[in-house]
Amino acid sequence: MNLFVKSARKIGFVAIALAATAGTVAPAYAVEQTGGKYNTLYAGLGIKGYDPVAYFTDGKPVEGKADISYDWSGVTWRFASAEHRKAFEAEPAKYAPQYGGFCSWGVSQGKLFDVDPVHAWKVVDGKLYMNFNSDIEAKWEHDSAGFISKANGNWPALNK
């Protein structure tokens, strides 16, 4: 069999595979509006189970423990220590991520995306911002003030 026929067969197979999955591709955004609730796309946990206080106190993501949790605003938040839970209980809005825990860059674009709590986060002016992934995080950091301004403008309509 010559090279042309082999290539044509491979291309045909790929085309069939793509056609078969064309109707199953999910939209790029997670939800269209929050309904006034935090991002619980991951098993009902805020920030996928990472400790929101640790971003401020430890300067890094730390997994929370199932037995050290607190329910606030319809979300279960996990903490690495009882001290972190106590700090959150006293001032949850201080530690909870902005935009309901959805991707900050996505909100600036008028969309609600999920987040990567390990590789895509930043504390800016005392507020925690999460993003979809490290590539989006890098883009967001080039003009975080601009994206925050756009997101602040878009958030009320997305948070209905």
Protein backbone atom coordinates (compact mmCIF):
# COMPACT_ATOMS: atom_id res chain seq x y z
CA MET A 1 0.00 0.00 0.00
CA ASN A 2 1.45 3.33 -0.93
CA LEU A 3 1.97 6.27 1.43
CA PHE A 4 -0.87 8.29 -0.13
CA VAL A 5 -3.47 5.60 0.62
CA LYS A 6 -2.23 5.13 4.20
CA SER A 7 -2.42 8.89 4.83
CA ALA A 8 -5.90 9.12 3.33
CA ARG A 9 -7.12 6.29 5.57
CA LYS A 10 -5.70 7.98 8.67
CA ILE A 11 -7.33 11.28 7.74
CA GLY A 12 -10.63 9.51 7.12
CA PHE A 13 -10.48 7.79 10.51
CA VAL A 14 -9.77 11.08 12.28
CA ALA A 15 -12.64 12.77 10.43
CA ILE A 16 -15.05 10.00 11.49
CA ALA A 17 -13.89 10.20 15.10
CA LEU A 18 -14.34 13.98 15.14
CA ALA A 19 -17.79 13.74 13.58
CA ALA A 20 -18.86 11.13 16.15
CA THR A 21 -17.91 13.40 19.06
CA ALA A 22 -19.08 16.69 17.56
CA GLY A 23 -22.38 16.67 19.42
CA THR A 24 -20.81 15.79 22.77
CA VAL A 25 -18.51 18.76 23.24
CA ALA A 26 -19.43 20.70 26.39
CA PRO A 27 -19.59 24.50 26.39
CA ALA A 28 -16.43 26.31 27.46
CA TYR A 29 -18.07 27.86 30.51
CA ALA A 30 -19.21 26.01 33.60
CA VAL A 31 -22.54 27.76 34.24
CA GLU A 32 -24.23 30.85 32.84
CA GLN A 33 -25.18 32.52 36.14
CA THR A 34 -24.37 31.79 39.77
CA GLY A 35 -27.79 32.27 41.27
CA GLY A 36 -25.98 34.17 44.03
CA LYS A 37 -24.02 31.08 45.08
CA TYR A 38 -20.35 30.17 45.30
CA ASN A 39 -18.65 27.81 42.91
CA THR A 40 -19.41 24.29 44.15
CA LEU A 41 -18.66 22.49 40.88
CA TYR A 42 -16.26 20.21 42.73
CA ALA A 43 -18.30 18.02 45.09
CA GLY A 44 -19.86 21.00 46.88
CA LEU A 45 -16.50 22.18 48.17
CA GLY A 46 -15.21 25.73 48.05
CA ILE A 47 -11.89 26.01 46.16
CA LYS A 48 -11.99 22.24 45.55
CA GLY A 49 -11.22 21.57 49.21
CA TYR A 50 -8.21 23.86 49.55
CA ASP A 51 -7.88 26.03 52.65
CA PRO A 52 -8.83 29.64 51.72
CA VAL A 53 -6.97 31.10 54.71
CA ALA A 54 -3.68 29.40 53.74
CA TYR A 55 -3.35 31.55 50.61
CA PHE A 56 -3.05 34.55 52.93
CA THR A 57 -1.14 33.09 55.88
CA ASP A 58 1.09 30.51 54.17
CA GLY A 59 1.31 32.20 50.76
CA LYS A 60 0.53 28.92 49.01
CA PRO A 61 -2.31 26.47 48.43
CA VAL A 62 -2.76 23.92 51.20
CA GLU A 63 -5.29 21.11 51.09
CA GLY A 64 -7.93 21.33 53.75
CA LYS A 65 -8.94 18.39 55.93
CA ALA A 66 -12.39 16.85 55.79
CA ASP A 67 -12.68 16.89 59.57
CA ILE A 68 -11.84 20.61 59.79
CA SER A 69 -14.60 22.22 57.75
CA TYR A 70 -17.15 25.00 57.96
CA ASP A 71 -20.35 25.53 55.96
CA TRP A 72 -20.79 29.10 54.78
CA SER A 73 -22.88 30.56 51.98
CA GLY A 74 -24.05 27.16 50.77
CA VAL A 75 -20.50 25.80 50.46
CA THR A 76 -18.36 23.47 52.54
CA TRP A 77 -14.97 25.04 53.15
CA ARG A 78 -12.07 22.91 54.36
CA PHE A 79 -9.09 24.04 56.43
CA ALA A 80 -5.61 22.78 57.22
CA SER A 81 -5.96 23.75 60.90
CA ALA A 82 -8.53 24.69 63.49
CA GLU A 83 -6.89 28.14 63.67
CA HIS A 84 -7.56 28.72 59.98
CA ARG A 85 -11.18 27.63 60.39
CA LYS A 86 -11.58 30.03 63.33
CA ALA A 87 -10.15 32.92 61.26
CA PHE A 88 -12.54 32.12 58.41
CA GLU A 89 -15.54 31.83 60.73
CA ALA A 90 -14.76 35.31 62.09
CA GLU A 91 -14.41 36.95 58.63
CA PRO A 92 -15.45 34.64 55.79
CA ALA A 93 -15.72 37.41 53.19
CA LYS A 94 -12.11 38.38 53.92
CA TYR A 95 -10.79 34.94 52.92
CA ALA A 96 -13.30 33.62 50.39
CA PRO A 97 -12.23 34.03 46.76
CA GLN A 98 -13.64 36.86 44.70
CA TYR A 99 -16.43 36.35 42.15
CA GLY A 100 -17.92 33.43 44.01
CA GLY A 101 -14.81 31.32 43.51
CA PHE A 102 -15.11 31.37 39.73
CA CYS A 103 -12.26 32.25 37.36
CA SER A 104 -11.46 35.96 37.64
CA TRP A 105 -10.35 36.23 34.02
CA GLY A 106 -13.51 34.42 32.92
CA VAL A 107 -15.69 36.88 34.85
CA SER A 108 -13.82 39.72 33.12
CA GLN A 109 -14.92 38.11 29.84
CA GLY A 110 -18.52 37.71 31.03
CA LYS A 111 -18.22 33.93 31.59
CA LEU A 112 -18.10 31.62 34.60
CA PHE A 113 -15.26 29.10 34.45
CA ASP A 114 -14.04 26.68 37.09
CA VAL A 115 -10.62 27.21 38.72
CA ASP A 116 -7.28 25.56 39.43
CA PRO A 117 -6.62 26.28 43.12
CA VAL A 118 -3.02 25.04 42.94
CA HIS A 119 -1.53 26.78 39.89
CA ALA A 120 -3.83 29.72 39.18
CA TRP A 121 -4.37 32.08 42.09
CA LYS A 122 -3.14 35.41 43.43
CA VAL A 123 -3.82 37.63 46.43
CA VAL A 124 -4.13 41.24 45.23
CA ASP A 125 -4.85 44.11 47.63
CA GLY A 126 -5.92 41.65 50.32
CA LYS A 127 -8.34 39.72 48.10
CA LEU A 128 -8.04 36.19 46.72
CA TYR A 129 -8.48 35.78 42.96
CA MET A 130 -8.63 32.37 41.31
CA ASN A 131 -8.21 31.50 37.63
CA PHE A 132 -8.90 28.57 35.32
CA ASN A 133 -5.31 27.42 34.79
CA SER A 134 -1.71 28.65 34.82
CA ASP A 135 -1.88 29.94 31.23
CA ILE A 136 -4.91 32.09 32.03
CA GLU A 137 -3.22 33.13 35.29
CA ALA A 138 -0.17 34.36 33.36
CA LYS A 139 -2.39 36.33 30.97
CA TRP A 140 -4.39 37.77 33.90
CA GLU A 141 -1.23 38.89 35.73
CA HIS A 142 -0.15 41.07 32.77
CA ASP A 143 -3.08 43.38 33.51
CA SER A 144 -4.70 42.18 36.72
CA ALA A 145 -6.01 45.67 37.55
CA GLY A 146 -7.71 45.92 34.16
CA PHE A 147 -9.18 42.43 34.38
CA ILE A 148 -10.38 43.07 37.95
CA SER A 149 -12.07 46.27 36.80
CA LYS A 150 -13.81 44.45 33.93
CA ALA A 151 -14.78 41.56 36.21
CA ASN A 152 -16.22 43.95 38.80
CA GLY A 153 -18.40 45.41 36.07
CA ASN A 154 -19.54 41.99 34.80
CA TRP A 155 -20.04 40.31 38.17
CA PRO A 156 -23.50 41.68 39.07
CA ALA A 157 -25.06 40.28 35.88
CA LEU A 158 -23.35 36.90 36.34
CA ASN A 159 -24.25 36.70 40.03
CA LYS A 160 -28.02 36.68 39.53
